Amino acid sequence: MTATATRPPDAAPPATGGKRAPKRERQGAAWVFLSPWVLGAAVLTLLPMAVSLYLSFTDYDMFDAPRWIGFRNYTQMFTEDPRYWRSVITTLTYVVIAVPLQLLLALAVAIALKSVKRGKGFYRSAFYAPSLLGASMSIALVWRAIFNDGGSVDNLLSGMGIDIGGWINKPGWAILSVALLTIWQFGAPMVIFLAGLQQIPAELYEAAAVDGASWWRQFRSITIPMLSPVLFFNLVLQMIQAFQVFTPAFAVSAGKGGPADSTLVYTLYLYDRGFTASHMGYASAMAWALLLAIGVVTAVLFRTSRAWVFYANDNNEGAR
């Protein structure tokens, strides 16, 4: 009778001789799962961008075949089109007004919500709702009615003895009404600010309070530095979106950029050149100029962030 060797229960199982799939097969499987995204990016993003770049060097009216004209669209845009530069100035004015005020309002509401003990979810949803609704054309049309002659704002100010009239009919006030619609949509950055505030250790505020620091000193020396990465993220995101504003200006001005081109933002003029005047080649050149401008502004923000964005794992050296 022969003895049978037994394997201890904690011993590793014997090798089965199996081999891992070859690297080529593993890569093939990865590409199969990635193929829907790659196909969508190629067909819906990269191909239209390539076509747009080509059209920017052509004279194309969407009816006849494109005719190559080289840099003519760009030279006309920068040297011969005064409305182009008016649209640039109007867009910059809008960005300077809308982005800082929107971020300040979002931060103020986030700080207020941080101290709320009950109903925080309700208030957070209520303040976030305008971000979901404000981008629609229906809300923009309501906004136009509110700031029109005889609208709610006109009646309110008239009752206070301030007779301005409808804002959308005044060149000096029309762009402000467009900016206010964007400022009203502060919910998205507010939620991000609130998440960042909740990550700041409470011990920092407790230590500062023991040292006698005032609320403003705590805000300036603790909240802002610790929240600077979130502030930087919101600034970049809102800046990019502000340069591409279209719906509010289109609704307020009925698609014309009036009065006196005071609401002629860049994308509205691009739409006018491409789809109203059928100068699609010129509109494509404008689109690429906008892309490059946004890229430059974003690069400047990233470069300057080294001086004011603080990351806890960077040993107080700022952003890298």
C-alpha atoms as a PDB file:
ATOM      1  CA  MET A   1       0.000   0.000   0.000  1.00  0.00           C
ATOM      2  CA  THR A   2       1.613   3.218  -1.143  1.00  0.00           C
ATOM      3  CA  ALA A   3       1.394   6.486   0.768  1.00  0.00           C
ATOM      4  CA  THR A   4      -0.189   9.457  -0.987  1.00  0.00           C
ATOM      5  CA  ALA A   5       1.522  12.814  -0.542  1.00  0.00           C
ATOM      6  CA  THR A   6      -0.794  15.559   0.589  1.00  0.00           C
ATOM      7  CA  ARG A   7      -0.334  19.286  -0.039  1.00  0.00           C
ATOM      8  CA  PRO A   8      -0.532  21.601   2.991  1.00  0.00           C
ATOM      9  CA  PRO A   9      -3.686  23.755   2.900  1.00  0.00           C
ATOM     10  CA  ASP A  10      -1.688  27.017   2.772  1.00  0.00           C
ATOM     11  CA  ALA A  11       0.600  25.907  -0.031  1.00  0.00           C
ATOM     12  CA  ALA A  12       0.347  27.530  -3.435  1.00  0.00           C
ATOM     13  CA  PRO A  13      -1.489  25.493  -6.111  1.00  0.00           C
ATOM     14  CA  PRO A  14       0.712  23.758  -8.665  1.00  0.00           C
ATOM     15  CA  ALA A  15       1.456  25.621 -11.851  1.00  0.00           C
ATOM     16  CA  THR A  16      -0.968  24.765 -14.639  1.00  0.00           C
ATOM     17  CA  GLY A  17       1.384  25.749 -17.403  1.00  0.00           C
ATOM     18  CA  GLY A  18      -0.985  28.497 -18.657  1.00  0.00           C
ATOM     19  CA  LYS A  19       0.464  31.559 -20.359  1.00  0.00           C
ATOM     20  CA  ARG A  20      -0.705  35.137 -20.447  1.00  0.00           C
ATOM     21  CA  ALA A  21      -2.178  36.400 -23.660  1.00  0.00           C
ATOM     22  CA  PRO A  22       0.425  37.914 -25.974  1.00  0.00           C
ATOM     23  CA  LYS A  23       0.899  41.651 -25.734  1.00  0.00           C
ATOM     24  CA  ARG A  24      -0.455  42.124 -29.254  1.00  0.00           C
ATOM     25  CA  GLU A  25      -3.714  40.388 -28.306  1.00  0.00           C
ATOM     26  CA  ARG A  26      -4.106  42.510 -25.158  1.00  0.00           C
ATOM     27  CA  GLN A  27      -3.573  45.694 -27.155  1.00  0.00           C
ATOM     28  CA  GLY A  28      -6.106  44.497 -29.710  1.00  0.00           C
ATOM     29  CA  ALA A  29      -8.728  44.004 -27.018  1.00  0.00           C
ATOM     30  CA  ALA A  30      -8.040  47.486 -25.651  1.00  0.00           C
ATOM     31  CA  TRP A  31      -8.527  49.042 -29.075  1.00  0.00           C
ATOM     32  CA  VAL A  32     -11.821  47.189 -29.491  1.00  0.00           C
ATOM     33  CA  PHE A  33     -13.177  48.823 -26.328  1.00  0.00           C
ATOM     34  CA  LEU A  34     -11.702  52.214 -27.272  1.00  0.00           C
ATOM     35  CA  SER A  35     -12.920  52.122 -30.857  1.00  0.00           C
ATOM     36  CA  PRO A  36     -16.327  53.830 -30.236  1.00  0.00           C
ATOM     37  CA  TRP A  37     -14.632  56.814 -28.606  1.00  0.00           C
ATOM     38  CA  VAL A  38     -11.807  56.923 -31.170  1.00  0.00           C
ATOM     39  CA  LEU A  39     -14.284  56.734 -34.051  1.00  0.00           C
ATOM     40  CA  GLY A  40     -16.490  59.423 -32.515  1.00  0.00           C
ATOM     41  CA  ALA A  41     -13.515  61.726 -31.852  1.00  0.00           C
ATOM     42  CA  ALA A  42     -12.202  61.255 -35.377  1.00  0.00           C
ATOM     43  CA  VAL A  43     -15.520  61.714 -37.200  1.00  0.00           C
ATOM     44  CA  LEU A  44     -17.186  64.304 -34.959  1.00  0.00           C
ATOM     45  CA  THR A  45     -14.178  66.356 -33.794  1.00  0.00           C
ATOM     46  CA  LEU A  46     -10.917  65.881 -35.687  1.00  0.00           C
ATOM     47  CA  LEU A  47     -12.407  65.667 -39.192  1.00  0.00           C
ATOM     48  CA  PRO A  48     -14.600  68.801 -38.772  1.00  0.00           C
ATOM     49  CA  MET A  49     -11.609  70.664 -37.345  1.00  0.00           C
ATOM     50  CA  ALA A  50      -9.486  69.694 -40.340  1.00  0.00           C
ATOM     51  CA  VAL A  51     -12.221  70.742 -42.762  1.00  0.00           C
ATOM     52  CA  SER A  52     -12.680  74.033 -40.893  1.00  0.00           C
ATOM     53  CA  LEU A  53      -8.940  74.720 -41.062  1.00  0.00           C
ATOM     54  CA  TYR A  54      -8.975  74.125 -44.803  1.00  0.00           C
ATOM     55  CA  LEU A  55     -12.048  76.324 -45.316  1.00  0.00           C
ATOM     56  CA  SER A  56     -10.389  79.168 -43.405  1.00  0.00           C
ATOM     57  CA  PHE A  57      -8.025  79.530 -46.376  1.00  0.00           C
ATOM     58  CA  THR A  58     -10.812  79.538 -48.946  1.00  0.00           C
ATOM     59  CA  ASP A  59     -13.670  81.645 -50.222  1.00  0.00           C
ATOM     60  CA  TYR A  60     -16.672  79.421 -49.502  1.00  0.00           C
ATOM     61  CA  ASP A  61     -20.341  80.363 -49.473  1.00  0.00           C
ATOM     62  CA  MET A  62     -21.824  76.873 -48.818  1.00  0.00           C
ATOM     63  CA  PHE A  63     -23.273  76.741 -52.349  1.00  0.00           C
ATOM     64  CA  ASP A  64     -20.275  76.830 -54.674  1.00  0.00           C
ATOM     65  CA  ALA A  65     -17.057  74.861 -54.388  1.00  0.00           C
ATOM     66  CA  PRO A  66     -14.426  76.358 -52.054  1.00  0.00           C
ATOM     67  CA  ARG A  67     -11.870  78.587 -53.810  1.00  0.00           C
ATOM     68  CA  TRP A  68      -8.371  78.775 -52.340  1.00  0.00           C
ATOM     69  CA  ILE A  69      -7.384  82.341 -51.381  1.00  0.00           C
ATOM     70  CA  GLY A  70      -4.573  81.717 -48.899  1.00  0.00           C
ATOM     71  CA  PHE A  71      -4.411  84.119 -45.944  1.00  0.00           C
ATOM     72  CA  ARG A  72      -6.897  86.569 -47.424  1.00  0.00           C
ATOM     73  CA  ASN A  73      -9.565  85.837 -44.775  1.00  0.00           C
ATOM     74  CA  TYR A  74      -7.083  86.452 -41.977  1.00  0.00           C
ATOM     75  CA  THR A  75      -5.692  89.686 -43.422  1.00  0.00           C
ATOM     76  CA  GLN A  76      -9.215  90.987 -44.036  1.00  0.00           C
ATOM     77  CA  MET A  77     -10.238  90.030 -40.520  1.00  0.00           C
ATOM     78  CA  PHE A  78      -7.348  91.776 -38.792  1.00  0.00           C
ATOM     79  CA  THR A  79      -6.889  94.826 -41.051  1.00  0.00           C
ATOM     80  CA  GLU A  80     -10.090  95.555 -42.984  1.00  0.00           C
ATOM     81  CA  ASP A  81     -13.055  94.621 -40.800  1.00  0.00           C
ATOM     82  CA  PRO A  82     -13.921  97.175 -38.070  1.00  0.00           C
ATOM     83  CA  ARG A  83     -16.894  95.078 -36.875  1.00  0.00           C
ATOM     84  CA  TYR A  84     -14.505  92.236 -36.108  1.00  0.00           C
ATOM     85  CA  TRP A  85     -12.575  94.399 -33.648  1.00  0.00           C
ATOM     86  CA  ARG A  86     -15.818  95.711 -32.164  1.00  0.00           C
ATOM     87  CA  SER A  87     -16.833  92.120 -31.514  1.00  0.00           C
ATOM     88  CA  VAL A  88     -13.468  91.469 -29.853  1.00  0.00           C
ATOM     89  CA  ILE A  89     -13.824  94.522 -27.584  1.00  0.00           C
ATOM     90  CA  THR A  90     -17.422  93.599 -26.730  1.00  0.00           C
ATOM     91  CA  THR A  91     -16.390  90.048 -25.856  1.00  0.00           C
ATOM     92  CA  LEU A  92     -13.514  91.228 -23.670  1.00  0.00           C
ATOM     93  CA  THR A  93     -15.861  93.646 -21.899  1.00  0.00           C
ATOM     94  CA  TYR A  94     -18.299  90.834 -21.268  1.00  0.00           C
ATOM     95  CA  VAL A  95     -15.561  88.515 -19.955  1.00  0.00           C
ATOM     96  CA  VAL A  96     -14.136  91.166 -17.607  1.00  0.00           C
ATOM     97  CA  ILE A  97     -17.604  91.837 -16.152  1.00  0.00           C
ATOM     98  CA  ALA A  98     -19.133  88.359 -16.057  1.00  0.00           C
ATOM     99  CA  VAL A  99     -16.314  86.053 -14.952  1.00  0.00           C
ATOM    100  CA  PRO A 100     -15.078  87.857 -11.786  1.00  0.00           C
ATOM    101  CA  LEU A 101     -18.591  88.689 -10.564  1.00  0.00           C
ATOM    102  CA  GLN A 102     -19.824  85.164 -11.193  1.00  0.00           C
ATOM    103  CA  LEU A 103     -16.913  83.650  -9.273  1.00  0.00           C
ATOM    104  CA  LEU A 104     -17.296  86.119  -6.389  1.00  0.00           C
ATOM    105  CA  LEU A 105     -21.001  85.348  -6.085  1.00  0.00           C
ATOM    106  CA  ALA A 106     -20.368  81.611  -6.304  1.00  0.00           C
ATOM    107  CA  LEU A 107     -17.709  81.782  -3.579  1.00  0.00           C
ATOM    108  CA  ALA A 108     -19.900  83.916  -1.301  1.00  0.00           C
ATOM    109  CA  VAL A 109     -22.833  81.515  -1.590  1.00  0.00           C
ATOM    110  CA  ALA A 110     -20.548  78.506  -1.074  1.00  0.00           C
ATOM    111  CA  ILE A 111     -19.150  80.017   2.132  1.00  0.00           C
ATOM    112  CA  ALA A 112     -22.678  80.715   3.342  1.00  0.00           C
ATOM    113  CA  LEU A 113     -23.836  77.165   2.531  1.00  0.00           C
ATOM    114  CA  LYS A 114     -20.863  75.653   4.322  1.00  0.00           C
ATOM    115  CA  SER A 115     -22.226  76.841   7.661  1.00  0.00           C
ATOM    116  CA  VAL A 116     -25.783  75.656   6.966  1.00  0.00           C
ATOM    117  CA  LYS A 117     -26.649  72.669   9.145  1.00  0.00           C
ATOM    118  CA  ARG A 118     -30.068  71.698   7.848  1.00  0.00           C
ATOM    119  CA  GLY A 119     -31.412  71.680   4.306  1.00  0.00           C
ATOM    120  CA  LYS A 120     -27.972  72.015   2.694  1.00  0.00           C
ATOM    121  CA  GLY A 121     -28.948  69.636  -0.118  1.00  0.00           C
ATOM    122  CA  PHE A 122     -32.066  71.668  -0.916  1.00  0.00           C
ATOM    123  CA  TYR A 123     -30.229  74.990  -1.032  1.00  0.00           C
ATOM    124  CA  ARG A 124     -27.423  73.493  -3.080  1.00  0.00           C
ATOM    125  CA  SER A 125     -29.909  72.174  -5.648  1.00  0.00           C
ATOM    126  CA  ALA A 126     -31.843  75.447  -5.687  1.00  0.00           C
ATOM    127  CA  PHE A 127     -28.740  77.518  -6.375  1.00  0.00           C
ATOM    128  CA  TYR A 128     -27.498  75.019  -8.958  1.00  0.00           C
ATOM    129  CA  ALA A 129     -30.753  75.068 -10.953  1.00  0.00           C
ATOM    130  CA  PRO A 130     -29.966  78.297 -12.880  1.00  0.00           C
ATOM    131  CA  SER A 131     -26.857  76.635 -14.305  1.00  0.00           C
ATOM    132  CA  LEU A 132     -29.083  73.977 -15.856  1.00  0.00           C
ATOM    133  CA  LEU A 133     -31.761  76.379 -17.099  1.00  0.00           C
ATOM    134  CA  GLY A 134     -29.839  79.524 -17.963  1.00  0.00           C
ATOM    135  CA  ALA A 135     -28.233  78.205 -21.143  1.00  0.00           C
ATOM    136  CA  SER A 136     -31.592  77.593 -22.844  1.00  0.00           C
ATOM    137  CA  MET A 137     -33.051  79.981 -25.389  1.00  0.00           C
ATOM    138  CA  SER A 138     -36.356  80.130 -23.483  1.00  0.00           C
ATOM    139  CA  ILE A 139     -34.682  81.581 -20.379  1.00  0.00           C
ATOM    140  CA  ALA A 140     -32.733  84.031 -22.553  1.00  0.00           C
ATOM    141  CA  LEU A 141     -35.989  85.248 -24.109  1.00  0.00           C
ATOM    142  CA  VAL A 142     -37.505  85.690 -20.644  1.00  0.00           C
ATOM    143  CA  TRP A 143     -34.392  87.649 -19.706  1.00  0.00           C
ATOM    144  CA  ARG A 144     -34.928  89.866 -22.746  1.00  0.00           C
ATOM    145  CA  ALA A 145     -38.505  90.583 -21.624  1.00  0.00           C
ATOM    146  CA  ILE A 146     -37.365  91.405 -18.074  1.00  0.00           C
ATOM    147  CA  PHE A 147     -34.826  93.992 -19.275  1.00  0.00           C
ATOM    148  CA  ASN A 148     -36.914  95.391 -22.136  1.00  0.00           C
ATOM    149  CA  ASP A 149     -38.858  98.662 -22.080  1.00  0.00           C
ATOM    150  CA  GLY A 150     -41.713  98.234 -19.613  1.00  0.00           C
ATOM    151  CA  GLY A 151     -40.145  95.066 -18.214  1.00  0.00           C
ATOM    152  CA  SER A 152     -39.714  94.149 -14.569  1.00  0.00           C
ATOM    153  CA  VAL A 153     -36.356  95.887 -14.172  1.00  0.00           C
ATOM    154  CA  ASP A 154     -37.596  99.037 -15.886  1.00  0.00           C
ATOM    155  CA  ASN A 155     -40.707  99.196 -13.694  1.00  0.00           C
ATOM    156  CA  LEU A 156     -38.713  98.515 -10.517  1.00  0.00           C
ATOM    157  CA  LEU A 157     -36.149 101.218 -11.215  1.00  0.00           C
ATOM    158  CA  SER A 158     -38.838 103.676 -12.325  1.00  0.00           C
ATOM    159  CA  GLY A 159     -40.629 103.118  -9.018  1.00  0.00           C
ATOM    160  CA  MET A 160     -37.403 104.072  -7.250  1.00  0.00           C
ATOM    161  CA  GLY A 161     -37.061 107.241  -9.287  1.00  0.00           C
ATOM    162  CA  ILE A 162     -34.389 105.878 -11.628  1.00  0.00           C
ATOM    163  CA  ASP A 163     -35.604 106.299 -15.185  1.00  0.00           C
ATOM    164  CA  ILE A 164     -33.210 104.348 -17.366  1.00  0.00           C
ATOM    165  CA  GLY A 165     -35.649 102.534 -19.624  1.00  0.00           C
ATOM    166  CA  GLY A 166     -35.093  99.103 -21.076  1.00  0.00           C
ATOM    167  CA  TRP A 167     -31.491  98.043 -20.746  1.00  0.00           C
ATOM    168  CA  ILE A 168     -31.407  96.089 -23.989  1.00  0.00           C
ATOM    169  CA  ASN A 169     -32.163  99.273 -25.939  1.00  0.00           C
ATOM    170  CA  LYS A 170     -29.307 101.259 -24.396  1.00  0.00           C
ATOM    171  CA  PRO A 171     -25.822 100.677 -25.883  1.00  0.00           C
ATOM    172  CA  GLY A 172     -24.177 101.296 -22.525  1.00  0.00           C
ATOM    173  CA  TRP A 173     -26.400  98.858 -20.630  1.00  0.00           C
ATOM    174  CA  ALA A 174     -27.190  96.077 -23.090  1.00  0.00           C
ATOM    175  CA  ILE A 175     -23.968  94.114 -22.544  1.00  0.00           C
ATOM    176  CA  LEU A 176     -24.530  94.334 -18.789  1.00  0.00           C
ATOM    177  CA  SER A 177     -27.884  92.594 -19.144  1.00  0.00           C
ATOM    178  CA  VAL A 178     -26.135  89.792 -21.060  1.00  0.00           C
ATOM    179  CA  ALA A 179     -23.454  89.537 -18.378  1.00  0.00           C
ATOM    180  CA  LEU A 180     -26.048  89.381 -15.602  1.00  0.00           C
ATOM    181  CA  LEU A 181     -27.585  86.290 -17.179  1.00  0.00           C
ATOM    182  CA  THR A 182     -24.209  84.579 -16.981  1.00  0.00           C
ATOM    183  CA  ILE A 183     -23.613  85.780 -13.415  1.00  0.00           C
ATOM    184  CA  TRP A 184     -27.016  84.352 -12.450  1.00  0.00           C
ATOM    185  CA  GLN A 185     -25.762  80.920 -13.568  1.00  0.00           C
ATOM    186  CA  PHE A 186     -23.268  80.655 -10.709  1.00  0.00           C
ATOM    187  CA  GLY A 187     -24.438  77.225  -9.534  1.00  0.00           C
ATOM    188  CA  ALA A 188     -21.742  75.093 -11.170  1.00  0.00           C
ATOM    189  CA  PRO A 189     -18.722  76.971  -9.764  1.00  0.00           C
ATOM    190  CA  MET A 190     -20.574  77.301  -6.445  1.00  0.00           C
ATOM    191  CA  VAL A 191     -20.839  73.518  -6.071  1.00  0.00           C
ATOM    192  CA  ILE A 192     -17.133  73.152  -6.881  1.00  0.00           C
ATOM    193  CA  PHE A 193     -16.218  75.871  -4.368  1.00  0.00           C
ATOM    194  CA  LEU A 194     -18.364  74.176  -1.717  1.00  0.00           C
ATOM    195  CA  ALA A 195     -16.588  70.865  -2.267  1.00  0.00           C
ATOM    196  CA  GLY A 196     -13.221  72.612  -1.942  1.00  0.00           C
ATOM    197  CA  LEU A 197     -14.243  74.419   1.251  1.00  0.00           C
ATOM    198  CA  GLN A 198     -15.275  71.151   2.869  1.00  0.00           C
ATOM    199  CA  GLN A 199     -11.775  69.768   2.271  1.00  0.00           C
ATOM    200  CA  ILE A 200     -10.036  72.502   4.275  1.00  0.00           C
ATOM    201  CA  PRO A 201      -9.093  71.096   7.713  1.00  0.00           C
ATOM    202  CA  ALA A 202     -11.096  72.658  10.527  1.00  0.00           C
ATOM    203  CA  GLU A 203      -7.980  72.577  12.715  1.00  0.00           C
ATOM    204  CA  LEU A 204      -6.496  75.449  10.708  1.00  0.00           C
ATOM    205  CA  TYR A 205      -9.426  77.723  11.576  1.00  0.00           C
ATOM    206  CA  GLU A 206      -9.381  76.594  15.209  1.00  0.00           C
ATOM    207  CA  ALA A 207      -5.685  77.378  15.549  1.00  0.00           C
ATOM    208  CA  ALA A 208      -6.171  80.772  13.889  1.00  0.00           C
ATOM    209  CA  ALA A 209      -9.090  81.577  16.224  1.00  0.00           C
ATOM    210  CA  VAL A 210      -6.946  80.715  19.246  1.00  0.00           C
ATOM    211  CA  ASP A 211      -4.301  83.141  17.955  1.00  0.00           C
ATOM    212  CA  GLY A 212      -6.960  85.854  17.725  1.00  0.00           C
ATOM    213  CA  ALA A 213      -7.235  85.997  13.926  1.00  0.00           C
ATOM    214  CA  SER A 214     -10.314  87.836  12.655  1.00  0.00           C
ATOM    215  CA  TRP A 215     -12.744  86.380  10.093  1.00  0.00           C
ATOM    216  CA  TRP A 216     -11.154  88.418   7.331  1.00  0.00           C
ATOM    217  CA  ARG A 217      -7.639  87.323   8.329  1.00  0.00           C
ATOM    218  CA  GLN A 218      -8.754  83.673   8.333  1.00  0.00           C
ATOM    219  CA  PHE A 219     -10.367  84.127   4.944  1.00  0.00           C
ATOM    220  CA  ARG A 220      -7.276  85.800   3.468  1.00  0.00           C
ATOM    221  CA  SER A 221      -4.638  83.571   5.079  1.00  0.00           C
ATOM    222  CA  ILE A 222      -6.390  80.180   5.166  1.00  0.00           C
ATOM    223  CA  THR A 223      -9.437  79.998   2.908  1.00  0.00           C
ATOM    224  CA  ILE A 224      -8.007  81.659  -0.198  1.00  0.00           C
ATOM    225  CA  PRO A 225      -4.624  79.843  -0.200  1.00  0.00           C
ATOM    226  CA  MET A 226      -6.183  76.443   0.528  1.00  0.00           C
ATOM    227  CA  LEU A 227      -8.935  77.057  -2.032  1.00  0.00           C
ATOM    228  CA  SER A 228      -6.626  78.457  -4.719  1.00  0.00           C
ATOM    229  CA  PRO A 229      -6.477  75.238  -6.829  1.00  0.00           C
ATOM    230  CA  VAL A 230     -10.287  75.165  -6.953  1.00  0.00           C
ATOM    231  CA  LEU A 231     -10.382  78.883  -7.693  1.00  0.00           C
ATOM    232  CA  PHE A 232      -7.887  78.386 -10.507  1.00  0.00           C
ATOM    233  CA  PHE A 233      -9.938  75.517 -11.955  1.00  0.00           C
ATOM    234  CA  ASN A 234     -13.135  77.571 -11.899  1.00  0.00           C
ATOM    235  CA  LEU A 235     -11.373  80.595 -13.374  1.00  0.00           C
ATOM    236  CA  VAL A 236     -10.019  78.649 -16.339  1.00  0.00           C
ATOM    237  CA  LEU A 237     -13.318  76.881 -16.958  1.00  0.00           C
ATOM    238  CA  GLN A 238     -15.481  79.996 -16.750  1.00  0.00           C
ATOM    239  CA  MET A 239     -13.031  82.038 -18.811  1.00  0.00           C
ATOM    240  CA  ILE A 240     -13.153  79.522 -21.657  1.00  0.00           C
ATOM    241  CA  GLN A 241     -16.947  79.414 -21.536  1.00  0.00           C
ATOM    242  CA  ALA A 242     -17.233  83.214 -21.413  1.00  0.00           C
ATOM    243  CA  PHE A 243     -15.221  83.669 -24.602  1.00  0.00           C
ATOM    244  CA  GLN A 244     -17.717  81.382 -26.354  1.00  0.00           C
ATOM    245  CA  VAL A 245     -20.924  83.078 -25.124  1.00  0.00           C
ATOM    246  CA  PHE A 246     -23.646  83.092 -27.757  1.00  0.00           C
ATOM    247  CA  THR A 247     -27.224  82.343 -26.634  1.00  0.00           C
ATOM    248  CA  PRO A 248     -27.793  85.335 -24.298  1.00  0.00           C
ATOM    249  CA  ALA A 249     -26.410  87.839 -26.817  1.00  0.00           C
ATOM    250  CA  PHE A 250     -28.399  86.266 -29.651  1.00  0.00           C
ATOM    251  CA  ALA A 251     -31.657  86.396 -27.681  1.00  0.00           C
ATOM    252  CA  VAL A 252     -31.197  89.874 -26.238  1.00  0.00           C
ATOM    253  CA  SER A 253     -30.285  91.429 -29.604  1.00  0.00           C
ATOM    254  CA  ALA A 254     -32.586  89.259 -31.761  1.00  0.00           C
ATOM    255  CA  GLY A 255     -29.479  87.911 -33.484  1.00  0.00           C
ATOM    256  CA  LYS A 256     -28.236  91.319 -34.664  1.00  0.00           C
ATOM    257  CA  GLY A 257     -25.811  92.337 -31.925  1.00  0.00           C
ATOM    258  CA  GLY A 258     -27.550  95.675 -31.348  1.00  0.00           C
ATOM    259  CA  PRO A 259     -28.045  98.303 -30.319  1.00  0.00           C
ATOM    260  CA  ALA A 260     -25.041  99.857 -32.094  1.00  0.00           C
ATOM    261  CA  ASP A 261     -23.156  96.520 -31.938  1.00  0.00           C
ATOM    262  CA  SER A 262     -23.092  96.784 -28.135  1.00  0.00           C
ATOM    263  CA  THR A 263     -23.946  93.050 -27.774  1.00  0.00           C
ATOM    264  CA  LEU A 264     -22.029  91.867 -30.836  1.00  0.00           C
ATOM    265  CA  VAL A 265     -19.940  89.228 -29.072  1.00  0.00           C
ATOM    266  CA  TYR A 266     -17.400  87.238 -31.050  1.00  0.00           C
ATOM    267  CA  THR A 267     -19.420  84.089 -31.616  1.00  0.00           C
ATOM    268  CA  LEU A 268     -22.488  86.094 -32.642  1.00  0.00           C
ATOM    269  CA  TYR A 269     -20.471  87.880 -35.316  1.00  0.00           C
ATOM    270  CA  LEU A 270     -19.018  84.536 -36.374  1.00  0.00           C
ATOM    271  CA  TYR A 271     -22.555  83.190 -36.746  1.00  0.00           C
ATOM    272  CA  ASP A 272     -23.533  86.273 -38.741  1.00  0.00           C
ATOM    273  CA  ARG A 273     -20.616  85.904 -41.143  1.00  0.00           C
ATOM    274  CA  GLY A 274     -21.058  82.163 -41.598  1.00  0.00           C
ATOM    275  CA  PHE A 275     -24.791  81.597 -41.706  1.00  0.00           C
ATOM    276  CA  THR A 276     -26.339  84.996 -42.449  1.00  0.00           C
ATOM    277  CA  ALA A 277     -23.817  86.367 -44.947  1.00  0.00           C
ATOM    278  CA  SER A 278     -22.793  82.864 -46.154  1.00  0.00           C
ATOM    279  CA  HIS A 279     -19.084  83.649 -45.777  1.00  0.00           C
ATOM    280  CA  MET A 280     -18.219  80.286 -44.283  1.00  0.00           C
ATOM    281  CA  GLY A 281     -14.532  80.568 -45.119  1.00  0.00           C
ATOM    282  CA  TYR A 282     -14.301  83.850 -43.225  1.00  0.00           C
ATOM    283  CA  ALA A 283     -16.262  82.369 -40.301  1.00  0.00           C
ATOM    284  CA  SER A 284     -13.865  79.399 -40.201  1.00  0.00           C
ATOM    285  CA  ALA A 285     -10.917  81.789 -39.964  1.00  0.00           C
ATOM    286  CA  MET A 286     -12.664  83.579 -37.108  1.00  0.00           C
ATOM    287  CA  ALA A 287     -13.200  80.253 -35.341  1.00  0.00           C
ATOM    288  CA  TRP A 288      -9.514  79.371 -35.536  1.00  0.00           C
ATOM    289  CA  ALA A 289      -8.519  82.841 -34.324  1.00  0.00           C
ATOM    290  CA  LEU A 290     -10.816  82.342 -31.332  1.00  0.00           C
ATOM    291  CA  LEU A 291      -9.306  78.922 -30.629  1.00  0.00           C
ATOM    292  CA  LEU A 292      -5.794  80.370 -30.650  1.00  0.00           C
ATOM    293  CA  ALA A 293      -6.857  83.298 -28.437  1.00  0.00           C
ATOM    294  CA  ILE A 294      -8.419  80.976 -25.864  1.00  0.00           C
ATOM    295  CA  GLY A 295      -5.279  78.839 -25.964  1.00  0.00           C
ATOM    296  CA  VAL A 296      -3.072  81.868 -25.308  1.00  0.00           C
ATOM    297  CA  VAL A 297      -5.257  83.108 -22.440  1.00  0.00           C
ATOM    298  CA  THR A 298      -5.299  79.634 -20.892  1.00  0.00           C
ATOM    299  CA  ALA A 299      -1.513  79.330 -21.212  1.00  0.00           C
ATOM    300  CA  VAL A 300      -1.083  82.732 -19.522  1.00  0.00           C
ATOM    301  CA  LEU A 301      -3.355  81.662 -16.668  1.00  0.00           C
ATOM    302  CA  PHE A 302      -1.369  78.458 -16.163  1.00  0.00           C
ATOM    303  CA  ARG A 303       1.904  80.369 -16.291  1.00  0.00           C
ATOM    304  CA  THR A 304       0.834  83.012 -13.787  1.00  0.00           C
ATOM    305  CA  SER A 305      -0.739  80.421 -11.491  1.00  0.00           C
ATOM    306  CA  ARG A 306       2.730  79.628 -10.153  1.00  0.00           C
ATOM    307  CA  ALA A 307       2.619  82.879  -8.219  1.00  0.00           C
ATOM    308  CA  TRP A 308      -0.734  82.418  -6.462  1.00  0.00           C
ATOM    309  CA  VAL A 309      -1.955  78.813  -6.619  1.00  0.00           C
ATOM    310  CA  PHE A 310      -0.962  76.783  -3.561  1.00  0.00           C
ATOM    311  CA  TYR A 311      -0.796  72.982  -3.513  1.00  0.00           C
ATOM    312  CA  ALA A 312      -0.313  71.320  -0.144  1.00  0.00           C
ATOM    313  CA  ASN A 313       2.150  68.746  -1.537  1.00  0.00           C
ATOM    314  CA  ASP A 314       4.349  71.388  -3.161  1.00  0.00           C
ATOM    315  CA  ASN A 315       5.914  72.594   0.090  1.00  0.00           C
ATOM    316  CA  ASN A 316       4.510  76.108  -0.314  1.00  0.00           C
ATOM    317  CA  GLU A 317       6.241  76.521  -3.681  1.00  0.00           C
ATOM    318  CA  GLY A 318       2.997  77.126  -5.573  1.00  0.00           C
ATOM    319  CA  ALA A 319       1.770  75.390  -8.676  1.00  0.00           C
ATOM    320  CA  ARG A 320       4.236  73.628 -10.889  1.00  0.00           C
END
